[in-house]
Protein backbone atom coordinates (compact mmCIF):
# COMPACT_ATOMS: atom_id res chain seq x y z
CA UNK A 1 0.00 0.00 0.00
CA UNK A 2 2.63 2.57 1.00
CA UNK A 3 5.09 1.41 -1.67
CA UNK A 4 2.48 1.49 -4.44
CA UNK A 5 2.51 5.27 -4.59
CA UNK A 6 6.31 5.27 -4.93
CA UNK A 7 6.51 2.76 -7.78
CA UNK A 8 5.77 4.22 -11.20
CA UNK A 9 7.35 1.58 -13.47
CA UNK A 10 7.52 -2.22 -13.53
CA UNK A 11 10.10 -4.29 -15.39
CA UNK A 12 8.39 -7.20 -17.15
CA UNK A 13 10.92 -9.90 -18.10
CA UNK A 14 10.15 -12.98 -20.20
CA UNK A 15 12.82 -15.67 -20.59
CA UNK A 16 12.56 -18.38 -23.25
CA UNK A 17 14.86 -21.38 -23.60
CA UNK A 18 14.49 -22.69 -27.20
CA UNK A 19 16.29 -25.95 -26.38
CA UNK A 20 14.09 -26.69 -23.36
CA UNK A 21 14.17 -25.55 -19.76
CA UNK A 22 17.68 -26.12 -18.42
CA UNK A 23 18.62 -27.15 -14.92
CA UNK A 24 21.33 -25.59 -12.77
CA UNK A 25 24.02 -28.02 -13.94
CA UNK A 26 23.23 -27.16 -17.58
CA UNK A 27 23.84 -23.49 -16.76
CA UNK A 28 27.11 -23.92 -14.90
CA UNK A 29 28.52 -26.46 -17.37
CA UNK A 30 27.88 -24.21 -20.38
CA UNK A 31 25.27 -26.44 -22.02
CA UNK A 32 22.77 -23.61 -22.50
CA UNK A 33 23.43 -22.36 -26.03
CA UNK A 34 20.57 -19.93 -26.52
CA UNK A 35 18.38 -17.81 -24.27
CA UNK A 36 15.78 -15.37 -25.57
CA UNK A 37 15.09 -12.49 -23.18
CA UNK A 38 12.36 -9.91 -23.69
CA UNK A 39 12.44 -6.90 -21.35
CA UNK A 40 9.67 -4.34 -21.18
CA UNK A 41 9.57 -1.35 -18.84
CA UNK A 42 5.91 -0.66 -18.20
CA UNK A 43 4.33 2.36 -16.55
CA UNK A 44 2.14 1.67 -13.53
CA UNK A 45 -1.25 3.14 -14.33
CA UNK A 46 -3.27 4.98 -11.69
CA UNK A 47 -5.90 2.23 -11.59
CA UNK A 48 -3.25 -0.23 -10.38
CA UNK A 49 -2.42 1.82 -7.31
CA UNK A 50 -4.62 1.13 -4.32
CA UNK A 51 -5.19 -0.80 -1.12
CA UNK A 52 -4.83 -4.46 -2.11
CA UNK A 53 -5.34 -5.70 1.45
CA UNK A 54 -8.55 -3.85 2.30
CA UNK A 55 -10.28 -2.95 -0.99
CA UNK A 56 -11.96 -5.95 -2.63
CA UNK A 57 -12.84 -4.09 -5.84
CA UNK A 58 -9.26 -2.91 -6.25
CA UNK A 59 -7.97 -6.44 -5.57
CA UNK A 60 -10.22 -7.88 -8.30
CA UNK A 61 -9.07 -5.22 -10.82
CA UNK A 62 -5.44 -5.76 -9.89
CA UNK A 63 -5.69 -9.55 -10.21
CA UNK A 64 -7.49 -9.20 -13.54
CA UNK A 65 -4.71 -6.99 -14.91
CA UNK A 66 -2.04 -9.36 -13.59
CA UNK A 67 -3.81 -12.33 -15.20
CA UNK A 68 -3.93 -10.41 -18.50
CA UNK A 69 -0.17 -9.87 -18.29
CA UNK A 70 0.42 -13.58 -17.59
CA UNK A 71 -1.79 -14.52 -20.56
CA UNK A 72 0.16 -12.12 -22.80
CA UNK A 73 3.40 -13.68 -21.55
CA UNK A 74 2.08 -17.18 -22.31
CA UNK A 75 1.13 -16.06 -25.84
CA UNK A 76 4.59 -14.58 -26.32
CA UNK A 77 6.29 -17.79 -25.16
CA UNK A 78 4.10 -19.92 -27.46
CA UNK A 79 5.04 -17.69 -30.41
CA UNK A 80 8.75 -17.94 -29.55
CA UNK A 81 8.48 -21.72 -29.20
CA UNK A 82 6.93 -22.00 -32.69
CA UNK A 83 9.84 -20.01 -34.17
CA UNK A 84 12.55 -22.40 -33.05
C-alpha atoms as a PDB file:
ATOM      1  CA  UNK A   1       0.000   0.000   0.000  1.00  0.00           C
ATOM      2  CA  UNK A   2       2.627   2.569   1.003  1.00  0.00           C
ATOM      3  CA  UNK A   3       5.091   1.406  -1.666  1.00  0.00           C
ATOM      4  CA  UNK A   4       2.478   1.494  -4.436  1.00  0.00           C
ATOM      5  CA  UNK A   5       2.509   5.265  -4.593  1.00  0.00           C
ATOM      6  CA  UNK A   6       6.314   5.273  -4.931  1.00  0.00           C
ATOM      7  CA  UNK A   7       6.513   2.761  -7.783  1.00  0.00           C
ATOM      8  CA  UNK A   8       5.774   4.220 -11.204  1.00  0.00           C
ATOM      9  CA  UNK A   9       7.349   1.579 -13.465  1.00  0.00           C
ATOM     10  CA  UNK A  10       7.516  -2.218 -13.533  1.00  0.00           C
ATOM     11  CA  UNK A  11      10.096  -4.294 -15.385  1.00  0.00           C
ATOM     12  CA  UNK A  12       8.385  -7.202 -17.145  1.00  0.00           C
ATOM     13  CA  UNK A  13      10.920  -9.902 -18.105  1.00  0.00           C
ATOM     14  CA  UNK A  14      10.148 -12.977 -20.196  1.00  0.00           C
ATOM     15  CA  UNK A  15      12.820 -15.670 -20.586  1.00  0.00           C
ATOM     16  CA  UNK A  16      12.555 -18.375 -23.253  1.00  0.00           C
ATOM     17  CA  UNK A  17      14.859 -21.382 -23.599  1.00  0.00           C
ATOM     18  CA  UNK A  18      14.487 -22.685 -27.198  1.00  0.00           C
ATOM     19  CA  UNK A  19      16.290 -25.947 -26.378  1.00  0.00           C
ATOM     20  CA  UNK A  20      14.095 -26.694 -23.361  1.00  0.00           C
ATOM     21  CA  UNK A  21      14.173 -25.553 -19.764  1.00  0.00           C
ATOM     22  CA  UNK A  22      17.684 -26.117 -18.422  1.00  0.00           C
ATOM     23  CA  UNK A  23      18.617 -27.155 -14.921  1.00  0.00           C
ATOM     24  CA  UNK A  24      21.330 -25.595 -12.771  1.00  0.00           C
ATOM     25  CA  UNK A  25      24.016 -28.022 -13.941  1.00  0.00           C
ATOM     26  CA  UNK A  26      23.230 -27.156 -17.583  1.00  0.00           C
ATOM     27  CA  UNK A  27      23.845 -23.490 -16.760  1.00  0.00           C
ATOM     28  CA  UNK A  28      27.113 -23.919 -14.900  1.00  0.00           C
ATOM     29  CA  UNK A  29      28.518 -26.456 -17.373  1.00  0.00           C
ATOM     30  CA  UNK A  30      27.882 -24.208 -20.381  1.00  0.00           C
ATOM     31  CA  UNK A  31      25.266 -26.436 -22.021  1.00  0.00           C
ATOM     32  CA  UNK A  32      22.775 -23.606 -22.502  1.00  0.00           C
ATOM     33  CA  UNK A  33      23.434 -22.359 -26.034  1.00  0.00           C
ATOM     34  CA  UNK A  34      20.574 -19.932 -26.523  1.00  0.00           C
ATOM     35  CA  UNK A  35      18.385 -17.810 -24.265  1.00  0.00           C
ATOM     36  CA  UNK A  36      15.782 -15.365 -25.567  1.00  0.00           C
ATOM     37  CA  UNK A  37      15.087 -12.493 -23.176  1.00  0.00           C
ATOM     38  CA  UNK A  38      12.361  -9.915 -23.686  1.00  0.00           C
ATOM     39  CA  UNK A  39      12.441  -6.902 -21.354  1.00  0.00           C
ATOM     40  CA  UNK A  40       9.666  -4.336 -21.179  1.00  0.00           C
ATOM     41  CA  UNK A  41       9.572  -1.352 -18.841  1.00  0.00           C
ATOM     42  CA  UNK A  42       5.908  -0.663 -18.201  1.00  0.00           C
ATOM     43  CA  UNK A  43       4.333   2.358 -16.549  1.00  0.00           C
ATOM     44  CA  UNK A  44       2.138   1.666 -13.532  1.00  0.00           C
ATOM     45  CA  UNK A  45      -1.253   3.143 -14.326  1.00  0.00           C
ATOM     46  CA  UNK A  46      -3.272   4.977 -11.686  1.00  0.00           C
ATOM     47  CA  UNK A  47      -5.902   2.231 -11.589  1.00  0.00           C
ATOM     48  CA  UNK A  48      -3.252  -0.232 -10.378  1.00  0.00           C
ATOM     49  CA  UNK A  49      -2.417   1.817  -7.306  1.00  0.00           C
ATOM     50  CA  UNK A  50      -4.620   1.127  -4.322  1.00  0.00           C
ATOM     51  CA  UNK A  51      -5.191  -0.803  -1.122  1.00  0.00           C
ATOM     52  CA  UNK A  52      -4.833  -4.460  -2.112  1.00  0.00           C
ATOM     53  CA  UNK A  53      -5.337  -5.700   1.454  1.00  0.00           C
ATOM     54  CA  UNK A  54      -8.549  -3.853   2.301  1.00  0.00           C
ATOM     55  CA  UNK A  55     -10.276  -2.946  -0.990  1.00  0.00           C
ATOM     56  CA  UNK A  56     -11.958  -5.948  -2.631  1.00  0.00           C
ATOM     57  CA  UNK A  57     -12.842  -4.088  -5.842  1.00  0.00           C
ATOM     58  CA  UNK A  58      -9.263  -2.914  -6.246  1.00  0.00           C
ATOM     59  CA  UNK A  59      -7.967  -6.442  -5.567  1.00  0.00           C
ATOM     60  CA  UNK A  60     -10.219  -7.885  -8.301  1.00  0.00           C
ATOM     61  CA  UNK A  61      -9.074  -5.225 -10.820  1.00  0.00           C
ATOM     62  CA  UNK A  62      -5.436  -5.762  -9.895  1.00  0.00           C
ATOM     63  CA  UNK A  63      -5.695  -9.555 -10.209  1.00  0.00           C
ATOM     64  CA  UNK A  64      -7.486  -9.201 -13.540  1.00  0.00           C
ATOM     65  CA  UNK A  65      -4.706  -6.993 -14.908  1.00  0.00           C
ATOM     66  CA  UNK A  66      -2.040  -9.356 -13.588  1.00  0.00           C
ATOM     67  CA  UNK A  67      -3.809 -12.328 -15.195  1.00  0.00           C
ATOM     68  CA  UNK A  68      -3.927 -10.411 -18.499  1.00  0.00           C
ATOM     69  CA  UNK A  69      -0.167  -9.871 -18.285  1.00  0.00           C
ATOM     70  CA  UNK A  70       0.422 -13.583 -17.591  1.00  0.00           C
ATOM     71  CA  UNK A  71      -1.790 -14.523 -20.563  1.00  0.00           C
ATOM     72  CA  UNK A  72       0.156 -12.124 -22.799  1.00  0.00           C
ATOM     73  CA  UNK A  73       3.398 -13.676 -21.550  1.00  0.00           C
ATOM     74  CA  UNK A  74       2.079 -17.185 -22.307  1.00  0.00           C
ATOM     75  CA  UNK A  75       1.134 -16.064 -25.841  1.00  0.00           C
ATOM     76  CA  UNK A  76       4.588 -14.579 -26.323  1.00  0.00           C
ATOM     77  CA  UNK A  77       6.289 -17.789 -25.162  1.00  0.00           C
ATOM     78  CA  UNK A  78       4.099 -19.922 -27.456  1.00  0.00           C
ATOM     79  CA  UNK A  79       5.040 -17.694 -30.413  1.00  0.00           C
ATOM     80  CA  UNK A  80       8.752 -17.938 -29.548  1.00  0.00           C
ATOM     81  CA  UNK A  81       8.479 -21.719 -29.205  1.00  0.00           C
ATOM     82  CA  UNK A  82       6.931 -21.998 -32.690  1.00  0.00           C
ATOM     83  CA  UNK A  83       9.838 -20.005 -34.167  1.00  0.00           C
ATOM     84  CA  UNK A  84      12.554 -22.398 -33.052  1.00  0.00           C
END
